[in-house]
C-alpha atoms as a PDB file:
ATOM      1  CA  MET A   1     -96.671 -69.571   9.637  1.00  0.00           C
ATOM      2  CA  ARG A   2     -96.730 -69.534  13.377  1.00  0.00           C
ATOM      3  CA  ALA A   3    -100.323 -69.734  13.403  1.00  0.00           C
ATOM      4  CA  TRP A   4    -100.225 -72.688  11.012  1.00  0.00           C
ATOM      5  CA  PHE A   5     -97.724 -74.491  13.340  1.00  0.00           C
ATOM      6  CA  ALA A   6     -99.828 -73.811  16.356  1.00  0.00           C
ATOM      7  CA  ASN A   7    -102.891 -75.239  14.687  1.00  0.00           C
ATOM      8  CA  LEU A   8    -101.103 -78.638  14.119  1.00  0.00           C
ATOM      9  CA  GLN A   9    -101.686 -81.370  16.459  1.00  0.00           C
ATOM     10  CA  PRO A  10     -98.799 -82.329  18.940  1.00  0.00           C
ATOM     11  CA  ARG A  11     -97.977 -85.553  17.106  1.00  0.00           C
ATOM     12  CA  GLU A  12     -97.795 -83.638  13.678  1.00  0.00           C
ATOM     13  CA  ARG A  13     -95.564 -80.994  15.373  1.00  0.00           C
ATOM     14  CA  TRP A  14     -93.088 -83.572  16.601  1.00  0.00           C
ATOM     15  CA  ILE A  15     -92.904 -85.188  13.113  1.00  0.00           C
ATOM     16  CA  LEU A  16     -92.338 -81.887  11.542  1.00  0.00           C
ATOM     17  CA  ILE A  17     -89.741 -80.895  14.124  1.00  0.00           C
ATOM     18  CA  ALA A  18     -87.961 -84.320  13.646  1.00  0.00           C
ATOM     19  CA  GLY A  19     -88.207 -83.966   9.865  1.00  0.00           C
ATOM     20  CA  VAL A  20     -86.459 -80.483   9.997  1.00  0.00           C
ATOM     21  CA  VAL A  21     -83.778 -81.902  12.387  1.00  0.00           C
ATOM     22  CA  VAL A  22     -83.026 -84.821  10.016  1.00  0.00           C
ATOM     23  CA  VAL A  23     -82.963 -82.555   6.788  1.00  0.00           C
ATOM     24  CA  ALA A  24     -80.511 -80.128   8.576  1.00  0.00           C
ATOM     25  CA  VAL A  25     -78.367 -82.990   9.540  1.00  0.00           C
ATOM     26  CA  ILE A  26     -78.310 -84.471   6.170  1.00  0.00           C
ATOM     27  CA  GLY A  27     -77.592 -81.085   4.748  1.00  0.00           C
ATOM     28  CA  LEU A  28     -74.788 -80.476   7.078  1.00  0.00           C
ATOM     29  CA  TRP A  29     -73.365 -83.802   6.310  1.00  0.00           C
ATOM     30  CA  ALA A  30     -73.816 -83.669   2.587  1.00  0.00           C
ATOM     31  CA  GLY A  31     -72.835 -79.931   2.191  1.00  0.00           C
ATOM     32  CA  VAL A  32     -69.978 -79.676   4.603  1.00  0.00           C
ATOM     33  CA  LEU A  33     -68.649 -82.850   6.149  1.00  0.00           C
ATOM     34  CA  LEU A  34     -68.459 -85.067   3.094  1.00  0.00           C
ATOM     35  CA  PRO A  35     -66.678 -82.633   0.860  1.00  0.00           C
ATOM     36  CA  LEU A  36     -64.133 -82.029   3.675  1.00  0.00           C
ATOM     37  CA  ARG A  37     -63.641 -85.687   4.075  1.00  0.00           C
ATOM     38  CA  THR A  38     -63.280 -86.360   0.488  1.00  0.00           C
ATOM     39  CA  GLN A  39     -60.831 -83.327   0.108  1.00  0.00           C
ATOM     40  CA  SER A  40     -58.828 -84.574   3.058  1.00  0.00           C
ATOM     41  CA  SER A  41     -58.470 -87.984   1.420  1.00  0.00           C
ATOM     42  CA  THR A  42     -57.308 -86.431  -1.761  1.00  0.00           C
ATOM     43  CA  LEU A  43     -54.803 -84.265  -0.002  1.00  0.00           C
ATOM     44  CA  GLN A  44     -53.371 -87.297   1.956  1.00  0.00           C
ATOM     45  CA  ALA A  45     -52.924 -89.169  -1.231  1.00  0.00           C
ATOM     46  CA  ALA A  46     -51.128 -86.203  -2.751  1.00  0.00           C
ATOM     47  CA  VAL A  47     -48.931 -85.847   0.314  1.00  0.00           C
ATOM     48  CA  GLU A  48     -48.044 -89.685   0.218  1.00  0.00           C
ATOM     49  CA  SER A  49     -47.231 -89.321  -3.443  1.00  0.00           C
ATOM     50  CA  LYS A  50     -44.919 -86.436  -2.910  1.00  0.00           C
ATOM     51  CA  GLN A  51     -43.151 -88.203  -0.098  1.00  0.00           C
ATOM     52  CA  ARG A  52     -42.487 -91.282  -2.374  1.00  0.00           C
ATOM     53  CA  LEU A  53     -41.221 -88.872  -5.055  1.00  0.00           C
ATOM     54  CA  LEU A  54     -38.877 -87.021  -2.528  1.00  0.00           C
ATOM     55  CA  LEU A  55     -37.594 -90.450  -1.224  1.00  0.00           C
ATOM     56  CA  ASP A  56     -36.866 -91.592  -4.835  1.00  0.00           C
ATOM     57  CA  LEU A  57     -35.219 -88.379  -5.721  1.00  0.00           C
ATOM     58  CA  SER A  58     -33.017 -88.538  -2.585  1.00  0.00           C
ATOM     59  CA  ARG A  59     -32.047 -92.072  -3.398  1.00  0.00           C
ATOM     60  CA  LEU A  60     -31.210 -91.027  -6.951  1.00  0.00           C
ATOM     61  CA  GLY A  61     -29.137 -88.069  -5.623  1.00  0.00           C
ATOM     62  CA  ALA A  62     -27.224 -90.325  -3.279  1.00  0.00           C
ATOM     63  CA  ALA A  63     -26.608 -92.933  -5.981  1.00  0.00           C
ATOM     64  CA  THR A  64     -25.213 -90.209  -8.500  1.00  0.00           C
ATOM     65  CA  ASN A  65     -22.954 -88.610  -5.833  1.00  0.00           C
ATOM     66  CA  VAL A  66     -21.263 -91.987  -4.859  1.00  0.00           C
ATOM     67  CA  ARG A  67     -17.940 -92.576  -6.595  1.00  0.00           C
ATOM     68  CA  PRO A  68     -16.227 -95.819  -6.560  1.00  0.00           C
ATOM     69  CA  PRO A  69     -12.977 -96.130  -4.655  1.00  0.00           C
ATOM     70  CA  GLY A  70     -10.111 -94.906  -6.673  1.00  0.00           C
ATOM     71  CA  SER A  71     -12.100 -93.034  -9.173  1.00  0.00           C
ATOM     72  CA  PRO A  72     -10.374 -89.893 -10.503  1.00  0.00           C
ATOM     73  CA  THR A  73     -11.860 -86.718  -9.238  1.00  0.00           C
ATOM     74  CA  ASP A  74      -9.120 -84.347 -10.208  1.00  0.00           C
ATOM     75  CA  THR A  75      -8.561 -86.041 -13.720  1.00  0.00           C
ATOM     76  CA  THR A  76      -9.226 -83.705 -16.693  1.00  0.00           C
ATOM     77  CA  LEU A  77     -12.421 -84.500 -18.451  1.00  0.00           C
ATOM     78  CA  VAL A  78     -10.403 -85.164 -21.796  1.00  0.00           C
ATOM     79  CA  VAL A  79      -8.357 -87.914 -20.035  1.00  0.00           C
ATOM     80  CA  LEU A  80     -11.368 -89.357 -18.228  1.00  0.00           C
ATOM     81  CA  VAL A  81     -13.457 -89.658 -21.388  1.00  0.00           C
ATOM     82  CA  ASP A  82     -10.522 -91.321 -23.338  1.00  0.00           C
ATOM     83  CA  ARG A  83      -9.850 -93.742 -20.352  1.00  0.00           C
ATOM     84  CA  THR A  84     -13.491 -94.656 -19.915  1.00  0.00           C
ATOM     85  CA  ALA A  85     -14.044 -95.156 -23.650  1.00  0.00           C
ATOM     86  CA  GLN A  86     -11.097 -97.506 -24.054  1.00  0.00           C
ATOM     87  CA  ALA A  87     -12.454 -99.445 -21.008  1.00  0.00           C
ATOM     88  CA  HIS A  88     -15.723 -99.807 -22.854  1.00  0.00           C
ATOM     89  CA  GLY A  89     -13.972-100.821 -26.224  1.00  0.00           C
ATOM     90  CA  LEU A  90     -14.938 -97.575 -28.012  1.00  0.00           C
ATOM     91  CA  ARG A  91     -12.695 -95.999 -30.534  1.00  0.00           C
ATOM     92  CA  ILE A  92     -12.590 -92.081 -30.190  1.00  0.00           C
ATOM     93  CA  THR A  93     -11.731 -90.495 -33.610  1.00  0.00           C
ATOM     94  CA  ARG A  94     -11.194 -87.155 -32.135  1.00  0.00           C
ATOM     95  CA  SER A  95     -11.703 -85.255 -28.725  1.00  0.00           C
ATOM     96  CA  ARG A  96     -11.145 -81.633 -27.994  1.00  0.00           C
ATOM     97  CA  PRO A  97     -11.857 -79.565 -25.002  1.00  0.00           C
ATOM     98  CA  ASN A  98     -14.798 -77.324 -24.951  1.00  0.00           C
ATOM     99  CA  GLY A  99     -14.418 -74.812 -22.155  1.00  0.00           C
ATOM    100  CA  PRO A 100     -13.373 -75.591 -18.637  1.00  0.00           C
ATOM    101  CA  SER A 101     -15.882 -78.409 -18.079  1.00  0.00           C
ATOM    102  CA  GLY A 102     -16.736 -79.699 -21.352  1.00  0.00           C
ATOM    103  CA  VAL A 103     -15.332 -81.885 -24.217  1.00  0.00           C
ATOM    104  CA  ASP A 104     -16.480 -82.664 -27.785  1.00  0.00           C
ATOM    105  CA  VAL A 105     -16.053 -86.237 -29.013  1.00  0.00           C
ATOM    106  CA  THR A 106     -16.171 -87.601 -32.608  1.00  0.00           C
ATOM    107  CA  LEU A 107     -16.856 -91.179 -33.023  1.00  0.00           C
ATOM    108  CA  GLN A 108     -17.010 -93.447 -36.055  1.00  0.00           C
ATOM    109  CA  ALA A 109     -18.476 -96.838 -36.503  1.00  0.00           C
ATOM    110  CA  VAL A 110     -19.047 -97.625 -32.853  1.00  0.00           C
ATOM    111  CA  PRO A 111     -21.728 -99.908 -31.594  1.00  0.00           C
ATOM    112  CA  PHE A 112     -24.788 -97.997 -30.481  1.00  0.00           C
ATOM    113  CA  ASP A 113     -25.415-100.215 -27.380  1.00  0.00           C
ATOM    114  CA  THR A 114     -21.900 -99.843 -26.111  1.00  0.00           C
ATOM    115  CA  LEU A 115     -21.916 -96.113 -26.758  1.00  0.00           C
ATOM    116  CA  MET A 116     -25.121 -95.919 -24.495  1.00  0.00           C
ATOM    117  CA  LYS A 117     -23.546 -97.877 -21.731  1.00  0.00           C
ATOM    118  CA  TRP A 118     -20.476 -95.767 -21.828  1.00  0.00           C
ATOM    119  CA  LEU A 119     -22.646 -92.598 -21.525  1.00  0.00           C
ATOM    120  CA  VAL A 120     -24.501 -94.107 -18.558  1.00  0.00           C
ATOM    121  CA  THR A 121     -21.315 -94.974 -16.892  1.00  0.00           C
ATOM    122  CA  LEU A 122     -20.125 -91.384 -17.391  1.00  0.00           C
ATOM    123  CA  HIS A 123     -23.186 -89.976 -15.957  1.00  0.00           C
ATOM    124  CA  GLY A 124     -23.701 -92.328 -13.064  1.00  0.00           C
ATOM    125  CA  THR A 125     -20.024 -92.700 -11.955  1.00  0.00           C
ATOM    126  CA  TYR A 126     -18.352 -89.572 -12.916  1.00  0.00           C
ATOM    127  CA  SER A 127     -21.181 -86.914 -13.130  1.00  0.00           C
ATOM    128  CA  VAL A 128     -20.505 -86.279 -16.878  1.00  0.00           C
ATOM    129  CA  ASP A 129     -23.677 -85.313 -18.782  1.00  0.00           C
ATOM    130  CA  VAL A 130     -24.366 -85.385 -22.486  1.00  0.00           C
ATOM    131  CA  GLU A 131     -25.042 -81.748 -23.558  1.00  0.00           C
ATOM    132  CA  SER A 132     -25.706 -82.554 -27.133  1.00  0.00           C
ATOM    133  CA  ALA A 133     -25.364 -85.459 -29.389  1.00  0.00           C
ATOM    134  CA  GLN A 134     -25.507 -85.855 -33.286  1.00  0.00           C
ATOM    135  CA  LEU A 135     -25.577 -89.556 -34.400  1.00  0.00           C
ATOM    136  CA  SER A 136     -26.081 -91.055 -37.766  1.00  0.00           C
ATOM    137  CA  THR A 137     -26.317 -94.624 -38.825  1.00  0.00           C
ATOM    138  CA  ALA A 138     -22.944 -96.079 -40.190  1.00  0.00           C
ATOM    139  CA  ARG A 139     -22.856 -98.562 -42.963  1.00  0.00           C
ATOM    140  CA  SER A 140     -23.026-101.740 -40.904  1.00  0.00           C
ATOM    141  CA  GLN A 141     -26.257-102.480 -38.844  1.00  0.00           C
ATOM    142  CA  GLY A 142     -25.967-101.469 -35.187  1.00  0.00           C
ATOM    143  CA  LEU A 143     -23.022 -98.961 -35.800  1.00  0.00           C
ATOM    144  CA  VAL A 144     -23.173 -95.206 -35.434  1.00  0.00           C
ATOM    145  CA  ASN A 145     -21.155 -92.255 -36.286  1.00  0.00           C
ATOM    146  CA  GLY A 146     -21.420 -88.914 -34.585  1.00  0.00           C
ATOM    147  CA  GLN A 147     -20.474 -86.199 -32.231  1.00  0.00           C
ATOM    148  CA  VAL A 148     -21.166 -85.940 -28.605  1.00  0.00           C
ATOM    149  CA  SER A 149     -20.636 -82.887 -26.458  1.00  0.00           C
ATOM    150  CA  LEU A 150     -20.059 -83.890 -22.726  1.00  0.00           C
ATOM    151  CA  HIS A 151     -19.833 -81.585 -19.757  1.00  0.00           C
ATOM    152  CA  ARG A 152     -19.011 -82.378 -16.145  1.00  0.00           C
ATOM    153  CA  LEU A 153     -21.551 -81.372 -13.598  1.00  0.00           C
END
């Protein structure tokens, strides 16, 4: 190989050396630098996405922990559920405590939309979540019967 290279004219040697350098630079760029740059962009986008998610979660956490002035924090869950249900115009057929932080509520012929607004209010304002719900349609359209198990977080 060395003999072959030595037999080339000087101009051919320079062209061959320049070609090898160009191929090495292109190989380095395509094999190392381009994948690193692409991976870096992908990781940067993932970091930005996670930062937005973290910001949204912190906002959501702050929103659920805020209680309006005068909200009952030491009121029993049964009283809280009855009071908020009446404020939303819901008629609770029966409510009974279920452990230290739970209550089972039976509803008959209540408007579904009103029921959902009440549950959202319980969750957002008083940190009361729905543990389970069994709903069925009532005779009239838009009304439901059912049982809802609630627990305080």
